[in-house]
Amino acid sequence: GVRSLTTTLAPRQTEEGLSWYKGTADAIYANIDFLD
């Protein structure tokens, strides 16, 4: 809704394909733009 949001965040897409998360911290790091 207007005041809330749930979004699903998939791994990075590169020219070689999906780049799987390397660990729990990397999963958050890969979505740092979303947090910013």
PDB file of all heavy atoms in Angstrom:
ATOM      1  N   GLY A   1       0.814  -1.208   0.000  1.00  0.00           N
ATOM      2  CA  GLY A   1       0.000   0.000   0.000  1.00  0.00           C
ATOM      3  C   GLY A   1       0.840   1.247   0.000  1.00  0.00           C
ATOM      4  O   GLY A   1       2.051   1.221  -0.183  1.00  0.00           O
ATOM      5  N   VAL A   2       0.181   2.373   0.248  1.00  0.00           N
ATOM      6  CA  VAL A   2       0.852   3.670   0.180  1.00  0.00           C
ATOM      7  C   VAL A   2       1.947   3.782   1.232  1.00  0.00           C
ATOM      8  O   VAL A   2       3.015   4.324   0.985  1.00  0.00           O
ATOM      9  CB  VAL A   2      -0.187   4.797   0.348  1.00  0.00           C
ATOM     10  CG1 VAL A   2       0.511   6.157   0.376  1.00  0.00           C
ATOM     11  CG2 VAL A   2      -1.219   4.753  -0.769  1.00  0.00           C
ATOM     12  N   ARG A   3       1.697   3.233   2.417  1.00  0.00           N
ATOM     13  CA  ARG A   3       2.632   3.440   3.523  1.00  0.00           C
ATOM     14  C   ARG A   3       3.483   2.217   3.843  1.00  0.00           C
ATOM     15  O   ARG A   3       4.226   2.218   4.814  1.00  0.00           O
ATOM     16  CB  ARG A   3       1.856   3.855   4.771  1.00  0.00           C
ATOM     17  CG  ARG A   3       1.126   5.186   4.600  1.00  0.00           C
ATOM     18  CD  ARG A   3       0.399   5.574   5.857  1.00  0.00           C
ATOM     19  NE  ARG A   3      -0.304   6.848   5.698  1.00  0.00           N
ATOM     20  CZ  ARG A   3      -1.074   7.390   6.624  1.00  0.00           C
ATOM     21  NH1 ARG A   3      -1.238   6.774   7.788  1.00  0.00           N
ATOM     22  NH2 ARG A   3      -1.689   8.534   6.400  1.00  0.00           N
ATOM     23  N   SER A   4       3.360   1.154   3.075  1.00  0.00           N
ATOM     24  CA  SER A   4       4.149  -0.034   3.364  1.00  0.00           C
ATOM     25  C   SER A   4       4.483  -0.760   2.066  1.00  0.00           C
ATOM     26  O   SER A   4       3.850  -0.545   1.036  1.00  0.00           O
ATOM     27  CB  SER A   4       3.398  -0.973   4.309  1.00  0.00           C
ATOM     28  OG  SER A   4       2.177  -1.388   3.729  1.00  0.00           O
ATOM     29  N   LEU A   5       5.494  -1.638   2.148  1.00  0.00           N
ATOM     30  CA  LEU A   5       5.978  -2.300   0.944  1.00  0.00           C
ATOM     31  C   LEU A   5       6.638  -3.620   1.313  1.00  0.00           C
ATOM     32  O   LEU A   5       7.424  -3.694   2.249  1.00  0.00           O
ATOM     33  CB  LEU A   5       7.010  -1.416   0.232  1.00  0.00           C
ATOM     34  CG  LEU A   5       7.840  -2.072  -0.884  1.00  0.00           C
ATOM     35  CD1 LEU A   5       6.952  -2.330  -2.100  1.00  0.00           C
ATOM     36  CD2 LEU A   5       9.019  -1.186  -1.267  1.00  0.00           C
ATOM     37  N   THR A   6       6.278  -4.674   0.603  1.00  0.00           N
ATOM     38  CA  THR A   6       7.037  -5.920   0.644  1.00  0.00           C
ATOM     39  C   THR A   6       7.545  -6.170  -0.763  1.00  0.00           C
ATOM     40  O   THR A   6       6.768  -6.150  -1.717  1.00  0.00           O
ATOM     41  CB  THR A   6       6.162  -7.098   1.098  1.00  0.00           C
ATOM     42  OG1 THR A   6       5.712  -6.876   2.422  1.00  0.00           O
ATOM     43  CG2 THR A   6       6.965  -8.392   1.069  1.00  0.00           C
ATOM     44  N   THR A   7       8.828  -6.408  -0.886  1.00  0.00           N
ATOM     45  CA  THR A   7       9.391  -6.651  -2.213  1.00  0.00           C
ATOM     46  C   THR A   7      10.311  -7.856  -2.165  1.00  0.00           C
ATOM     47  O   THR A   7      11.009  -8.075  -1.169  1.00  0.00           O
ATOM     48  CB  THR A   7      10.156  -5.418  -2.728  1.00  0.00           C
ATOM     49  OG1 THR A   7      10.581  -5.654  -4.068  1.00  0.00           O
ATOM     50  CG2 THR A   7      11.356  -5.101  -1.865  1.00  0.00           C
ATOM     51  N   THR A   8      10.282  -8.681  -3.200  1.00  0.00           N
ATOM     52  CA  THR A   8      11.189  -9.811  -3.298  1.00  0.00           C
ATOM     53  C   THR A   8      12.426  -9.390  -4.089  1.00  0.00           C
ATOM     54  O   THR A   8      12.317  -8.705  -5.106  1.00  0.00           O
ATOM     55  CB  THR A   8      10.500 -11.007  -3.985  1.00  0.00           C
ATOM     56  OG1 THR A   8       9.921 -10.576  -5.220  1.00  0.00           O
ATOM     57  CG2 THR A   8       9.405 -11.575  -3.095  1.00  0.00           C
ATOM     58  N   LEU A   9      13.589  -9.801  -3.599  1.00  0.00           N
ATOM     59  CA  LEU A   9      14.862  -9.372  -4.165  1.00  0.00           C
ATOM     60  C   LEU A   9      15.649 -10.592  -4.606  1.00  0.00           C
ATOM     61  O   LEU A   9      16.038 -11.429  -3.798  1.00  0.00           O
ATOM     62  CB  LEU A   9      15.658  -8.570  -3.126  1.00  0.00           C
ATOM     63  CG  LEU A   9      14.948  -7.319  -2.579  1.00  0.00           C
ATOM     64  CD1 LEU A   9      15.656  -6.798  -1.337  1.00  0.00           C
ATOM     65  CD2 LEU A   9      14.875  -6.242  -3.647  1.00  0.00           C
ATOM     66  N   ALA A  10      15.862 -10.719  -5.902  1.00  0.00           N
ATOM     67  CA  ALA A  10      16.574 -11.864  -6.472  1.00  0.00           C
ATOM     68  C   ALA A  10      18.068 -11.557  -6.565  1.00  0.00           C
ATOM     69  O   ALA A  10      18.484 -10.395  -6.482  1.00  0.00           O
ATOM     70  CB  ALA A  10      16.007 -12.186  -7.850  1.00  0.00           C
ATOM     71  N   PRO A  11      18.919 -12.587  -6.760  1.00  0.00           N
ATOM     72  CA  PRO A  11      20.357 -12.351  -6.930  1.00  0.00           C
ATOM     73  C   PRO A  11      20.653 -11.477  -8.141  1.00  0.00           C
ATOM     74  O   PRO A  11      19.811 -11.298  -9.023  1.00  0.00           O
ATOM     75  CB  PRO A  11      20.926 -13.765  -7.121  1.00  0.00           C
ATOM     76  CG  PRO A  11      19.922 -14.662  -6.486  1.00  0.00           C
ATOM     77  CD  PRO A  11      18.589 -14.016  -6.732  1.00  0.00           C
ATOM     78  N   ARG A  12      21.886 -10.958  -8.188  1.00  0.00           N
ATOM     79  CA  ARG A  12      22.300 -10.082  -9.276  1.00  0.00           C
ATOM     80  C   ARG A  12      22.223 -10.813 -10.619  1.00  0.00           C
ATOM     81  O   ARG A  12      22.513 -11.997 -10.722  1.00  0.00           O
ATOM     82  CB  ARG A  12      23.750  -9.627  -9.090  1.00  0.00           C
ATOM     83  CG  ARG A  12      24.151  -9.173  -7.712  1.00  0.00           C
ATOM     84  CD  ARG A  12      25.654  -8.940  -7.687  1.00  0.00           C
ATOM     85  NE  ARG A  12      26.166  -8.671  -6.373  1.00  0.00           N
ATOM     86  CZ  ARG A  12      26.589  -9.609  -5.523  1.00  0.00           C
ATOM     87  NH1 ARG A  12      26.505 -10.875  -5.854  1.00  0.00           N
ATOM     88  NH2 ARG A  12      27.066  -9.289  -4.337  1.00  0.00           N
ATOM     89  N   GLN A  13      21.868 -10.081 -11.641  1.00  0.00           N
ATOM     90  CA  GLN A  13      21.886 -10.616 -13.006  1.00  0.00           C
ATOM     91  C   GLN A  13      23.103 -10.031 -13.719  1.00  0.00           C
ATOM     92  O   GLN A  13      23.244  -8.823 -13.832  1.00  0.00           O
ATOM     93  CB  GLN A  13      20.608 -10.215 -13.749  1.00  0.00           C
ATOM     94  CG  GLN A  13      20.488 -10.789 -15.146  1.00  0.00           C
ATOM     95  CD  GLN A  13      20.131 -12.281 -15.128  1.00  0.00           C
ATOM     96  OE1 GLN A  13      19.274 -12.699 -14.379  1.00  0.00           O
ATOM     97  NE2 GLN A  13      20.814 -13.059 -15.940  1.00  0.00           N
ATOM     98  N   THR A  14      23.980 -10.926 -14.173  1.00  0.00           N
ATOM     99  CA  THR A  14      25.175 -10.483 -14.896  1.00  0.00           C
ATOM    100  C   THR A  14      25.129 -11.031 -16.318  1.00  0.00           C
ATOM    101  O   THR A  14      24.232 -11.788 -16.684  1.00  0.00           O
ATOM    102  CB  THR A  14      26.455 -10.984 -14.198  1.00  0.00           C
ATOM    103  OG1 THR A  14      26.522 -12.408 -14.317  1.00  0.00           O
ATOM    104  CG2 THR A  14      26.464 -10.588 -12.721  1.00  0.00           C
ATOM    105  N   GLU A  15      26.131 -10.682 -17.120  1.00  0.00           N
ATOM    106  CA  GLU A  15      26.185 -11.192 -18.483  1.00  0.00           C
ATOM    107  C   GLU A  15      26.344 -12.715 -18.505  1.00  0.00           C
ATOM    108  O   GLU A  15      25.930 -13.380 -19.447  1.00  0.00           O
ATOM    109  CB  GLU A  15      27.357 -10.538 -19.236  1.00  0.00           C
ATOM    110  CG  GLU A  15      27.153  -9.052 -19.492  1.00  0.00           C
ATOM    111  CD  GLU A  15      28.310  -8.446 -20.267  1.00  0.00           C
ATOM    112  OE1 GLU A  15      29.258  -9.201 -20.578  1.00  0.00           O
ATOM    113  OE2 GLU A  15      28.259  -7.242 -20.551  1.00  0.00           O
ATOM    114  N   GLU A  16      26.962 -13.245 -17.464  1.00  0.00           N
ATOM    115  CA  GLU A  16      27.161 -14.689 -17.385  1.00  0.00           C
ATOM    116  C   GLU A  16      25.947 -15.399 -16.805  1.00  0.00           C
ATOM    117  O   GLU A  16      25.874 -16.618 -16.785  1.00  0.00           O
ATOM    118  CB  GLU A  16      28.388 -15.009 -16.517  1.00  0.00           C
ATOM    119  CG  GLU A  16      29.715 -14.605 -17.149  1.00  0.00           C
ATOM    120  CD  GLU A  16      29.954 -13.098 -17.066  1.00  0.00           C
ATOM    121  OE1 GLU A  16      29.397 -12.464 -16.137  1.00  0.00           O
ATOM    122  OE2 GLU A  16      30.674 -12.566 -17.936  1.00  0.00           O
ATOM    123  N   GLY A  17      24.982 -14.649 -16.285  1.00  0.00           N
ATOM    124  CA  GLY A  17      23.799 -15.244 -15.663  1.00  0.00           C
ATOM    125  C   GLY A  17      23.630 -14.744 -14.247  1.00  0.00           C
ATOM    126  O   GLY A  17      24.152 -13.688 -13.881  1.00  0.00           O
ATOM    127  N   LEU A  18      22.884 -15.502 -13.449  1.00  0.00           N
ATOM    128  CA  LEU A  18      22.662 -15.104 -12.065  1.00  0.00           C
ATOM    129  C   LEU A  18      23.929 -15.277 -11.252  1.00  0.00           C
ATOM    130  O   LEU A  18      24.654 -16.264 -11.397  1.00  0.00           O
ATOM    131  CB  LEU A  18      21.543 -15.940 -11.438  1.00  0.00           C
ATOM    132  CG  LEU A  18      20.111 -15.653 -11.913  1.00  0.00           C
ATOM    133  CD1 LEU A  18      19.147 -16.624 -11.255  1.00  0.00           C
ATOM    134  CD2 LEU A  18      19.714 -14.215 -11.603  1.00  0.00           C
ATOM    135  N   SER A  19      24.200 -14.300 -10.394  1.00  0.00           N
ATOM    136  CA  SER A  19      25.340 -14.383  -9.490  1.00  0.00           C
ATOM    137  C   SER A  19      24.811 -14.709  -8.099  1.00  0.00           C
ATOM    138  O   SER A  19      24.245 -13.857  -7.420  1.00  0.00           O
ATOM    139  CB  SER A  19      26.090 -13.035  -9.465  1.00  0.00           C
ATOM    140  OG  SER A  19      27.157 -13.074  -8.555  1.00  0.00           O
ATOM    141  N   TRP A  20      24.948 -15.986  -7.687  1.00  0.00           N
ATOM    142  CA  TRP A  20      24.386 -16.425  -6.422  1.00  0.00           C
ATOM    143  C   TRP A  20      25.026 -15.695  -5.252  1.00  0.00           C
ATOM    144  O   TRP A  20      26.204 -15.344  -5.272  1.00  0.00           O
ATOM    145  CB  TRP A  20      24.586 -17.933  -6.251  1.00  0.00           C
ATOM    146  CG  TRP A  20      23.918 -18.790  -7.267  1.00  0.00           C
ATOM    147  CD1 TRP A  20      24.520 -19.659  -8.121  1.00  0.00           C
ATOM    148  CD2 TRP A  20      22.510 -18.868  -7.557  1.00  0.00           C
ATOM    149  NE1 TRP A  20      23.586 -20.273  -8.920  1.00  0.00           N
ATOM    150  CE2 TRP A  20      22.345 -19.804  -8.596  1.00  0.00           C
ATOM    151  CE3 TRP A  20      21.376 -18.228  -7.047  1.00  0.00           C
ATOM    152  CZ2 TRP A  20      21.101 -20.129  -9.123  1.00  0.00           C
ATOM    153  CZ3 TRP A  20      20.135 -18.545  -7.580  1.00  0.00           C
ATOM    154  CH2 TRP A  20      20.002 -19.483  -8.588  1.00  0.00           C
ATOM    155  N   TYR A  21      24.250 -15.492  -4.204  1.00  0.00           N
ATOM    156  CA  TYR A  21      24.787 -14.891  -2.988  1.00  0.00           C
ATOM    157  C   TYR A  21      25.868 -15.804  -2.410  1.00  0.00           C
ATOM    158  O   TYR A  21      25.705 -17.025  -2.321  1.00  0.00           O
ATOM    159  CB  TYR A  21      23.682 -14.696  -1.950  1.00  0.00           C
ATOM    160  CG  TYR A  21      22.562 -13.778  -2.390  1.00  0.00           C
ATOM    161  CD1 TYR A  21      21.233 -14.109  -2.134  1.00  0.00           C
ATOM    162  CD2 TYR A  21      22.837 -12.581  -3.044  1.00  0.00           C
ATOM    163  CE1 TYR A  21      20.200 -13.266  -2.508  1.00  0.00           C
ATOM    164  CE2 TYR A  21      21.819 -11.737  -3.437  1.00  0.00           C
ATOM    165  CZ  TYR A  21      20.485 -12.077  -3.168  1.00  0.00           C
ATOM    166  OH  TYR A  21      19.463 -11.243  -3.549  1.00  0.00           O
ATOM    167  N   LYS A  22      26.976 -15.204  -2.002  1.00  0.00           N
ATOM    168  CA  LYS A  22      28.101 -15.978  -1.472  1.00  0.00           C
ATOM    169  C   LYS A  22      27.942 -16.288   0.009  1.00  0.00           C
ATOM    170  O   LYS A  22      28.625 -17.164   0.535  1.00  0.00           O
ATOM    171  CB  LYS A  22      29.404 -15.199  -1.698  1.00  0.00           C
ATOM    172  CG  LYS A  22      29.693 -14.927  -3.172  1.00  0.00           C
ATOM    173  CD  LYS A  22      30.871 -13.986  -3.322  1.00  0.00           C
ATOM    174  CE  LYS A  22      31.090 -13.598  -4.780  1.00  0.00           C
ATOM    175  NZ  LYS A  22      32.172 -12.591  -4.929  1.00  0.00           N
ATOM    176  N   GLY A  23      27.103 -15.553   0.698  1.00  0.00           N
ATOM    177  CA  GLY A  23      26.879 -15.754   2.124  1.00  0.00           C
ATOM    178  C   GLY A  23      25.800 -14.798   2.594  1.00  0.00           C
ATOM    179  O   GLY A  23      25.294 -13.979   1.819  1.00  0.00           O
ATOM    180  N   THR A  24      25.467 -14.869   3.863  1.00  0.00           N
ATOM    181  CA  THR A  24      24.388 -14.024   4.386  1.00  0.00           C
ATOM    182  C   THR A  24      24.719 -12.539   4.276  1.00  0.00           C
ATOM    183  O   THR A  24      23.861 -11.721   3.921  1.00  0.00           O
ATOM    184  CB  THR A  24      24.099 -14.384   5.856  1.00  0.00           C
ATOM    185  OG1 THR A  24      25.320 -14.317   6.610  1.00  0.00           O
ATOM    186  CG2 THR A  24      23.524 -15.783   5.963  1.00  0.00           C
ATOM    187  N   ALA A  25      25.971 -12.189   4.552  1.00  0.00           N
ATOM    188  CA  ALA A  25      26.359 -10.777   4.457  1.00  0.00           C
ATOM    189  C   ALA A  25      26.383 -10.315   3.004  1.00  0.00           C
ATOM    190  O   ALA A  25      25.989  -9.190   2.681  1.00  0.00           O
ATOM    191  CB  ALA A  25      27.723 -10.558   5.118  1.00  0.00           C
ATOM    192  N   ASP A  26      26.844 -11.198   2.119  1.00  0.00           N
ATOM    193  CA  ASP A  26      26.876 -10.844   0.698  1.00  0.00           C
ATOM    194  C   ASP A  26      25.472 -10.616   0.158  1.00  0.00           C
ATOM    195  O   ASP A  26      25.270  -9.768  -0.727  1.00  0.00           O
ATOM    196  CB  ASP A  26      27.569 -11.949  -0.102  1.00  0.00           C
ATOM    197  CG  ASP A  26      27.656 -11.616  -1.594  1.00  0.00           C
ATOM    198  OD1 ASP A  26      28.316 -10.617  -1.934  1.00  0.00           O
ATOM    199  OD2 ASP A  26      27.044 -12.341  -2.393  1.00  0.00           O
ATOM    200  N   ALA A  27      24.496 -11.359   0.670  1.00  0.00           N
ATOM    201  CA  ALA A  27      23.112 -11.172   0.222  1.00  0.00           C
ATOM    202  C   ALA A  27      22.626  -9.755   0.534  1.00  0.00           C
ATOM    203  O   ALA A  27      21.947  -9.119  -0.286  1.00  0.00           O
ATOM    204  CB  ALA A  27      22.206 -12.201   0.889  1.00  0.00           C
ATOM    205  N   ILE A  28      22.988  -9.255   1.706  1.00  0.00           N
ATOM    206  CA  ILE A  28      22.596  -7.883   2.061  1.00  0.00           C
ATOM    207  C   ILE A  28      23.412  -6.879   1.257  1.00  0.00           C
ATOM    208  O   ILE A  28      22.881  -5.891   0.735  1.00  0.00           O
ATOM    209  CB  ILE A  28      22.779  -7.637   3.574  1.00  0.00           C
ATOM    210  CG1 ILE A  28      21.979  -8.656   4.384  1.00  0.00           C
ATOM    211  CG2 ILE A  28      22.349  -6.220   3.933  1.00  0.00           C
ATOM    212  CD1 ILE A  28      20.485  -8.618   4.172  1.00  0.00           C
ATOM    213  N   TYR A  29      24.710  -7.149   1.118  1.00  0.00           N
ATOM    214  CA  TYR A  29      25.580  -6.256   0.337  1.00  0.00           C
ATOM    215  C   TYR A  29      25.076  -6.115  -1.103  1.00  0.00           C
ATOM    216  O   TYR A  29      25.089  -5.030  -1.679  1.00  0.00           O
ATOM    217  CB  TYR A  29      27.005  -6.797   0.354  1.00  0.00           C
ATOM    218  CG  TYR A  29      27.943  -6.095  -0.595  1.00  0.00           C
ATOM    219  CD1 TYR A  29      28.419  -4.808  -0.319  1.00  0.00           C
ATOM    220  CD2 TYR A  29      28.349  -6.715  -1.785  1.00  0.00           C
ATOM    221  CE1 TYR A  29      29.272  -4.157  -1.198  1.00  0.00           C
ATOM    222  CE2 TYR A  29      29.200  -6.070  -2.661  1.00  0.00           C
ATOM    223  CZ  TYR A  29      29.658  -4.788  -2.376  1.00  0.00           C
ATOM    224  OH  TYR A  29      30.492  -4.142  -3.252  1.00  0.00           O
ATOM    225  N   ALA A  30      24.616  -7.224  -1.685  1.00  0.00           N
ATOM    226  CA  ALA A  30      24.142  -7.202  -3.071  1.00  0.00           C
ATOM    227  C   ALA A  30      22.900  -6.321  -3.232  1.00  0.00           C
ATOM    228  O   ALA A  30      22.575  -5.908  -4.352  1.00  0.00           O
ATOM    229  CB  ALA A  30      23.833  -8.619  -3.540  1.00  0.00           C
ATOM    230  N   ASN A  31      22.223  -6.043  -2.130  1.00  0.00           N
ATOM    231  CA  ASN A  31      21.011  -5.224  -2.174  1.00  0.00           C
ATOM    232  C   ASN A  31      21.195  -3.890  -1.447  1.00  0.00           C
ATOM    233  O   ASN A  31      20.235  -3.293  -0.972  1.00  0.00           O
ATOM    234  CB  ASN A  31      19.843  -6.009  -1.570  1.00  0.00           C
ATOM    235  CG  ASN A  31      19.434  -7.181  -2.436  1.00  0.00           C
ATOM    236  OD1 ASN A  31      18.778  -7.023  -3.455  1.00  0.00           O
ATOM    237  ND2 ASN A  31      19.848  -8.388  -2.034  1.00  0.00           N
ATOM    238  N   ILE A  32      22.442  -3.440  -1.421  1.00  0.00           N
ATOM    239  CA  ILE A  32      22.736  -2.203  -0.701  1.00  0.00           C
ATOM    240  C   ILE A  32      22.096  -0.990  -1.372  1.00  0.00           C
ATOM    241  O   ILE A  32      21.726  -0.015  -0.711  1.00  0.00           O
ATOM    242  CB  ILE A  32      24.271  -2.035  -0.536  1.00  0.00           C
ATOM    243  CG1 ILE A  32      24.571  -1.150   0.671  1.00  0.00           C
ATOM    244  CG2 ILE A  32      24.927  -1.522  -1.810  1.00  0.00           C
ATOM    245  CD1 ILE A  32      26.014  -1.214   1.119  1.00  0.00           C
ATOM    246  N   ASP A  33      21.908  -1.058  -2.687  1.00  0.00           N
ATOM    247  CA  ASP A  33      21.234   0.043  -3.380  1.00  0.00           C
ATOM    248  C   ASP A  33      19.786   0.175  -2.907  1.00  0.00           C
ATOM    249  O   ASP A  33      19.272   1.291  -2.762  1.00  0.00           O
ATOM    250  CB  ASP A  33      21.270  -0.160  -4.895  1.00  0.00           C
ATOM    251  CG  ASP A  33      22.659   0.044  -5.479  1.00  0.00           C
ATOM    252  OD1 ASP A  33      23.521   0.614  -4.772  1.00  0.00           O
ATOM    253  OD2 ASP A  33      22.897  -0.380  -6.625  1.00  0.00           O
ATOM    254  N   PHE A  34      19.137  -0.974  -2.690  1.00  0.00           N
ATOM    255  CA  PHE A  34      17.763  -0.972  -2.173  1.00  0.00           C
ATOM    256  C   PHE A  34      17.722  -0.308  -0.803  1.00  0.00           C
ATOM    257  O   PHE A  34      16.857   0.531  -0.525  1.00  0.00           O
ATOM    258  CB  PHE A  34      17.243  -2.408  -2.095  1.00  0.00           C
ATOM    259  CG  PHE A  34      15.940  -2.554  -1.363  1.00  0.00           C
ATOM    260  CD1 PHE A  34      14.737  -2.215  -1.964  1.00  0.00           C
ATOM    261  CD2 PHE A  34      15.913  -3.044  -0.061  1.00  0.00           C
ATOM    262  CE1 PHE A  34      13.534  -2.348  -1.289  1.00  0.00           C
ATOM    263  CE2 PHE A  34      14.724  -3.186   0.626  1.00  0.00           C
ATOM    264  CZ  PHE A  34      13.530  -2.835   0.008  1.00  0.00           C
ATOM    265  N   LEU A  35      18.682  -0.655   0.054  1.00  0.00           N
ATOM    266  CA  LEU A  35      18.721  -0.063   1.391  1.00  0.00           C
ATOM    267  C   LEU A  35      19.044   1.428   1.326  1.00  0.00           C
ATOM    268  O   LEU A  35      18.472   2.233   2.074  1.00  0.00           O
ATOM    269  CB  LEU A  35      19.747  -0.795   2.259  1.00  0.00           C
ATOM    270  CG  LEU A  35      19.338  -2.201   2.722  1.00  0.00           C
ATOM    271  CD1 LEU A  35      20.507  -2.893   3.409  1.00  0.00           C
ATOM    272  CD2 LEU A  35      18.140  -2.131   3.661  1.00  0.00           C
ATOM    273  N   ASP A  36      19.941   1.796   0.443  1.00  0.00           N
ATOM    274  CA  ASP A  36      20.269   3.221   0.297  1.00  0.00           C
ATOM    275  C   ASP A  36      19.038   4.035  -0.107  1.00  0.00           C
ATOM    276  O   ASP A  36      18.836   5.162   0.358  1.00  0.00           O
ATOM    277  CB  ASP A  36      21.380   3.411  -0.736  1.00  0.00           C
ATOM    278  CG  ASP A  36      22.756   3.031  -0.200  1.00  0.00           C
ATOM    279  OD1 ASP A  36      22.895   2.896   1.035  1.00  0.00           O
ATOM    280  OD2 ASP A  36      23.677   2.865  -1.017  1.00  0.00           O
TER     281      ASP A  36
END
